[in-house]
Protein backbone atom coordinates (compact mmCIF):
# COMPACT_ATOMS: atom_id res chain seq x y z
CA MET A 1 -145.97 -70.74 -72.52
CA HIS A 2 -146.29 -66.95 -73.01
CA LYS A 3 -146.86 -66.75 -69.11
CA LEU A 4 -143.71 -68.72 -68.56
CA ARG A 5 -141.76 -66.57 -70.74
CA ARG A 6 -142.94 -63.45 -69.03
CA ILE A 7 -141.99 -65.03 -65.65
CA GLY A 8 -138.56 -65.93 -66.96
CA ALA A 9 -138.03 -62.42 -68.49
CA GLY A 10 -139.26 -60.89 -65.11
CA LEU A 11 -136.63 -63.12 -63.24
CA LEU A 12 -133.91 -62.22 -65.55
CA ALA A 13 -134.59 -58.50 -65.15
CA GLY A 14 -134.58 -58.94 -61.32
CA ILE A 15 -131.17 -60.58 -61.40
CA CYS A 16 -129.66 -57.98 -63.54
CA LEU A 17 -131.07 -55.20 -61.25
CA LEU A 18 -129.63 -56.90 -58.18
CA ALA A 19 -126.19 -57.43 -60.04
CA PHE A 20 -126.13 -53.72 -61.09
CA SER A 21 -127.08 -52.57 -57.71
CA GLY A 22 -124.29 -54.75 -56.09
CA CYS A 23 -121.74 -53.44 -58.44
CA SER A 24 -122.71 -49.84 -57.82
CA LYS A 25 -122.39 -50.56 -54.10
CA LYS A 26 -119.05 -52.11 -54.50
CA LYS A 27 -117.86 -49.09 -56.69
CA GLU A 28 -119.08 -46.63 -54.22
CA GLU A 29 -117.38 -48.47 -51.30
CA THR A 30 -114.12 -48.72 -53.31
CA LYS A 31 -114.34 -44.93 -54.01
CA LYS A 32 -114.85 -44.26 -50.35
CA ASN A 33 -111.81 -46.46 -49.53
CA THR A 34 -109.80 -44.87 -52.14
CA THR A 35 -110.61 -41.38 -50.96
CA LYS A 36 -109.82 -42.39 -47.33
CA ASP A 37 -106.28 -43.94 -48.29
CA GLU A 38 -105.58 -40.73 -50.41
CA THR A 39 -106.53 -38.55 -47.38
CA VAL A 40 -104.35 -40.47 -45.13
CA ALA A 41 -101.37 -40.37 -47.50
CA SER A 42 -101.89 -36.63 -47.98
CA ASP A 43 -101.92 -36.12 -44.21
CA SER A 44 -98.84 -38.12 -43.80
CA GLN A 45 -97.13 -36.21 -46.54
CA GLU A 46 -98.25 -32.94 -44.93
CA THR A 47 -96.58 -34.09 -41.61
CA GLN A 48 -93.40 -35.01 -43.25
CA ASN A 49 -93.26 -31.69 -45.05
CA ALA A 50 -94.11 -29.80 -41.94
CA VAL A 51 -91.22 -31.57 -39.97
CA VAL A 52 -88.69 -30.98 -42.85
CA SER A 53 -89.78 -27.28 -43.02
CA GLU A 54 -89.20 -26.89 -39.28
CA VAL A 55 -85.70 -28.42 -39.52
CA TRP A 56 -84.94 -26.19 -42.43
CA GLU A 57 -86.10 -23.07 -40.55
CA ARG A 58 -83.92 -23.86 -37.53
CA MET A 59 -80.96 -24.24 -40.01
CA GLY A 60 -81.73 -20.82 -41.56
CA THR A 61 -82.34 -22.19 -45.11
CA ASP A 62 -85.15 -23.09 -47.44
CA GLY A 63 -83.64 -26.54 -48.22
CA SER A 64 -81.72 -25.61 -51.38
CA ALA A 65 -77.97 -25.66 -51.90
CA GLU A 66 -78.16 -22.11 -53.26
CA THR A 67 -79.18 -20.71 -49.85
CA VAL A 68 -76.08 -22.03 -48.21
CA GLU A 69 -73.24 -19.62 -47.95
CA SER A 70 -70.29 -20.90 -50.08
CA GLY A 71 -66.69 -20.40 -49.30
CA THR A 72 -66.78 -21.43 -45.80
CA SER A 73 -64.25 -24.07 -46.55
CA GLN A 74 -62.40 -22.23 -49.29
CA SER A 75 -59.98 -20.50 -46.78
CA ILE A 76 -58.89 -23.80 -45.15
CA ASP A 77 -55.24 -24.68 -45.79
CA TRP A 78 -55.91 -28.44 -46.05
CA GLY A 79 -52.12 -29.30 -46.04
CA SER A 80 -51.57 -27.76 -42.52
CA VAL A 81 -54.68 -29.01 -40.69
CA LYS A 82 -54.14 -32.03 -38.28
CA VAL A 83 -56.21 -34.45 -36.24
CA GLY A 84 -57.88 -32.60 -33.42
CA ASP A 85 -58.24 -29.38 -35.40
CA THR A 86 -61.61 -27.75 -35.70
CA ILE A 87 -62.54 -26.64 -39.27
CA PRO A 88 -65.68 -24.73 -40.69
CA PHE A 89 -67.53 -26.68 -43.34
CA GLY A 90 -70.88 -25.92 -44.63
CA LYS A 91 -73.06 -24.44 -41.79
CA TYR A 92 -71.30 -26.21 -38.96
CA GLU A 93 -67.83 -26.75 -37.38
CA TRP A 94 -66.21 -30.05 -37.55
CA ILE A 95 -63.46 -31.92 -35.75
CA ILE A 96 -60.80 -33.76 -37.58
CA LEU A 97 -60.65 -37.49 -36.47
CA GLU A 98 -58.40 -38.80 -39.34
CA LYS A 99 -56.35 -37.44 -42.04
CA THR A 100 -54.78 -38.96 -45.20
CA ASP A 101 -53.09 -37.49 -48.18
CA SER A 102 -56.28 -37.20 -49.94
CA SER A 103 -59.06 -36.89 -47.38
CA VAL A 104 -60.11 -36.00 -43.84
CA PHE A 105 -62.63 -37.77 -41.62
CA VAL A 106 -64.59 -35.41 -39.40
CA ILE A 107 -67.39 -35.29 -36.75
CA SER A 108 -69.56 -32.44 -36.06
CA LYS A 109 -68.29 -30.25 -33.15
CA ASP A 110 -71.85 -29.99 -31.84
CA ILE A 111 -75.24 -31.84 -31.86
CA VAL A 112 -76.90 -30.76 -35.10
CA GLU A 113 -80.42 -32.07 -34.65
CA PHE A 114 -82.73 -33.99 -32.46
CA LEU A 115 -84.63 -36.87 -33.96
CA SER A 116 -86.27 -40.25 -33.20
CA TYR A 117 -84.16 -43.11 -34.49
CA SER A 118 -87.32 -44.94 -35.73
CA PRO A 119 -88.59 -43.90 -39.28
CA LYS A 120 -92.09 -43.77 -37.61
CA GLY A 121 -90.85 -40.97 -35.29
CA ALA A 122 -92.29 -40.24 -31.95
CA SER A 123 -95.60 -41.97 -32.92
CA PHE A 124 -94.00 -45.27 -32.84
CA PRO A 125 -96.42 -47.72 -31.23
CA GLU A 126 -94.95 -48.98 -28.00
CA GLN A 127 -97.49 -51.80 -27.97
CA ASP A 128 -95.61 -53.15 -31.20
CA PRO A 129 -92.11 -53.70 -29.75
CA GLU A 130 -91.14 -56.12 -32.38
CA PHE A 131 -90.72 -53.62 -35.20
CA PRO A 132 -86.94 -53.72 -35.99
CA VAL A 133 -84.86 -50.67 -36.80
CA THR A 134 -81.29 -50.93 -38.05
CA TRP A 135 -79.15 -48.06 -39.45
CA GLU A 136 -80.39 -48.96 -42.93
CA GLU A 137 -83.88 -47.95 -42.30
CA SER A 138 -83.38 -45.34 -39.62
CA ALA A 139 -84.83 -41.87 -39.72
CA VAL A 140 -81.42 -40.34 -38.90
CA ARG A 141 -79.82 -41.97 -41.98
CA ASN A 142 -82.44 -40.63 -44.20
CA PHE A 143 -82.45 -37.16 -42.71
CA LEU A 144 -78.62 -36.87 -42.93
CA ASN A 145 -78.36 -38.10 -46.53
CA GLU A 146 -81.26 -36.06 -47.81
CA ASP A 147 -82.43 -32.89 -46.07
CA PHE A 148 -79.23 -32.20 -44.09
CA PHE A 149 -76.92 -32.91 -46.98
CA TYR A 150 -78.80 -30.58 -49.42
CA SER A 151 -79.59 -27.86 -46.98
CA CYS A 152 -76.12 -27.46 -45.12
CA PHE A 153 -73.64 -27.56 -47.81
CA SER A 154 -72.89 -25.57 -50.94
CA GLU A 155 -72.84 -27.51 -54.17
CA GLN A 156 -69.02 -27.13 -54.28
CA GLU A 157 -68.90 -28.79 -50.70
CA GLN A 158 -71.42 -31.34 -51.64
CA GLY A 159 -68.99 -32.53 -54.36
CA MET A 160 -66.19 -32.86 -51.69
CA ILE A 161 -68.14 -35.22 -49.47
CA MET A 162 -67.09 -38.72 -50.33
CA GLU A 163 -69.43 -41.82 -50.40
CA THR A 164 -68.38 -44.34 -47.79
CA LYS A 165 -69.18 -48.01 -47.41
CA VAL A 166 -70.80 -48.09 -43.79
CA VAL A 167 -70.58 -51.53 -41.89
CA THR A 168 -72.25 -51.65 -38.55
CA ALA A 169 -70.96 -54.36 -36.20
CA ALA A 170 -73.15 -56.21 -33.87
CA ASN A 171 -73.83 -55.13 -30.25
CA PRO A 172 -70.65 -56.03 -28.39
CA LYS A 173 -72.53 -57.70 -25.36
CA PHE A 174 -75.92 -58.81 -26.74
CA GLY A 175 -74.85 -59.76 -30.27
CA ILE A 176 -77.84 -58.12 -31.94
CA SER A 177 -77.01 -57.66 -35.69
CA GLY A 178 -76.15 -54.22 -37.06
CA GLY A 179 -78.00 -54.88 -40.38
CA ASN A 180 -77.04 -54.59 -43.89
CA ASP A 181 -74.00 -52.63 -45.16
CA THR A 182 -74.95 -49.27 -46.67
CA THR A 183 -73.31 -46.63 -48.86
CA ASP A 184 -73.69 -43.04 -47.29
CA LYS A 185 -72.21 -39.62 -47.57
CA LEU A 186 -73.08 -38.86 -44.00
CA TYR A 187 -73.55 -41.18 -41.11
CA ILE A 188 -72.93 -41.46 -37.41
CA LEU A 189 -70.42 -43.33 -35.19
CA GLU A 190 -70.94 -46.83 -33.96
CA TYR A 191 -69.66 -48.09 -30.57
CA ASP A 192 -66.22 -49.33 -31.67
CA GLU A 193 -65.39 -46.09 -33.62
CA THR A 194 -66.60 -44.04 -30.60
CA MET A 195 -64.26 -45.87 -28.39
CA LYS A 196 -61.47 -45.50 -30.98
CA TYR A 197 -61.80 -41.83 -31.43
CA PHE A 198 -62.94 -40.81 -27.90
CA GLU A 199 -61.31 -42.90 -25.26
CA THR A 200 -62.83 -41.03 -22.23
CA ASP A 201 -66.21 -39.95 -21.09
CA GLU A 202 -64.98 -36.37 -21.08
CA SER A 203 -63.93 -36.43 -24.64
CA ARG A 204 -67.26 -37.82 -25.78
CA LYS A 205 -69.19 -34.88 -24.49
CA ALA A 206 -70.88 -32.66 -26.95
CA LEU A 207 -72.95 -29.40 -26.76
CA ALA A 208 -76.38 -28.96 -28.08
CA PRO A 209 -76.71 -25.21 -28.78
CA ALA A 210 -80.38 -25.32 -29.73
CA ASN A 211 -81.16 -27.50 -26.59
CA PRO A 212 -78.43 -27.38 -23.91
CA GLU A 213 -80.36 -29.45 -21.51
CA GLN A 214 -80.40 -32.53 -23.95
CA SER A 215 -76.92 -33.25 -25.10
CA MET A 216 -77.11 -37.00 -25.56
CA TYR A 217 -76.60 -38.28 -29.06
CA TRP A 218 -77.28 -41.61 -31.00
CA LEU A 219 -74.84 -44.20 -32.12
CA ARG A 220 -75.73 -46.51 -34.98
CA THR A 221 -74.98 -49.71 -33.01
CA PRO A 222 -78.05 -51.65 -31.97
CA GLY A 223 -78.79 -52.05 -28.20
CA GLU A 224 -80.12 -55.11 -26.40
CA SER A 225 -82.65 -55.56 -29.21
CA GLN A 226 -83.35 -54.13 -32.68
CA THR A 227 -85.94 -51.77 -31.05
CA MET A 228 -83.03 -50.19 -29.15
CA VAL A 229 -79.93 -48.26 -30.17
CA MET A 230 -76.81 -47.33 -28.18
CA LYS A 231 -76.20 -43.62 -27.49
CA VAL A 232 -73.93 -41.34 -25.43
CA ASN A 233 -75.17 -39.51 -22.37
CA GLN A 234 -74.72 -35.94 -21.33
CA ASP A 235 -71.75 -36.97 -19.29
CA GLY A 236 -70.04 -38.84 -22.11
CA SER A 237 -70.85 -42.35 -20.66
CA PHE A 238 -72.97 -44.77 -22.75
CA ALA A 239 -76.71 -44.83 -21.92
CA HIS A 240 -77.54 -47.85 -20.06
CA GLY A 241 -74.19 -49.38 -21.14
CA GLU A 242 -74.54 -51.52 -24.25
CA ARG A 243 -78.36 -51.87 -23.62
CA GLY A 244 -79.13 -48.53 -25.41
CA ASP A 245 -82.33 -46.75 -25.61
CA PHE A 246 -85.64 -47.28 -27.43
CA VAL A 247 -85.66 -46.21 -31.04
CA TRP A 248 -88.92 -44.03 -30.71
CA TYR A 249 -87.27 -41.65 -28.27
CA LYS A 250 -85.60 -38.49 -29.60
CA SER A 251 -81.91 -37.90 -29.17
CA GLY A 252 -79.00 -35.74 -30.71
CA ILE A 253 -77.21 -36.43 -33.98
CA ARG A 254 -73.46 -35.82 -34.53
CA PRO A 255 -72.86 -36.74 -38.25
CA VAL A 256 -69.52 -37.92 -39.61
CA MET A 257 -68.20 -37.81 -43.13
CA TRP A 258 -65.11 -38.12 -45.28
CA ILE A 259 -64.18 -35.01 -47.21
CA LYS A 260 -61.95 -35.19 -50.20
CA ILE A 261 -59.06 -32.61 -50.07
CA GLY A 262 -56.81 -33.75 -52.84
């Protein structure tokens, strides 16, 4: 009987030892995986911070509204400006596309930045072409309403920029959905709006002072699929017609916005 008890006690001790060893191993693996995930997240954040810092450096600011020269728009006589005029606002010049008694709708005179449309940027995996990107999820929308908004306009000017309900129509030829409606302070034109405000190829041309050889710019209208987006070529025509270009490529940005003037 005593012998059986000793054998049972030995077996129980062995089972506990194995369980403890298994738990320790599992905890160590979990710790390693957690450390690996934290490292990947840290690397990703550092990459995003580096990209934002590079953009701010090109803009001549540290990303805060205090570093933007105020008063660039204070000298404007809003009552006398008209459609087609170019006005200074923030760090850029803007062309007036529409005017009401209380607001003006403007587009940047020049291309202000070059970005991939995809939120995954240039590292977008071409072998995974089913990743859909609409205006709502685009890197361009995030950039304009975060980094660009806060680094390019004074606090007074930020208060003048109106929130707009942005509705993106489907592709006129392929019927690809433009995605959900959004509410934005800054956005880019879609195909129909571009045709409304710029009837000719010549009028659609834009300069890119930072990169004169690359003066193409994105529209927010989807292309042949949701991995493609329409854009304007250097000569003012539409790139590949309604087909558009792949979202992981870089292209120019010409933001638009409504400014409250009364």
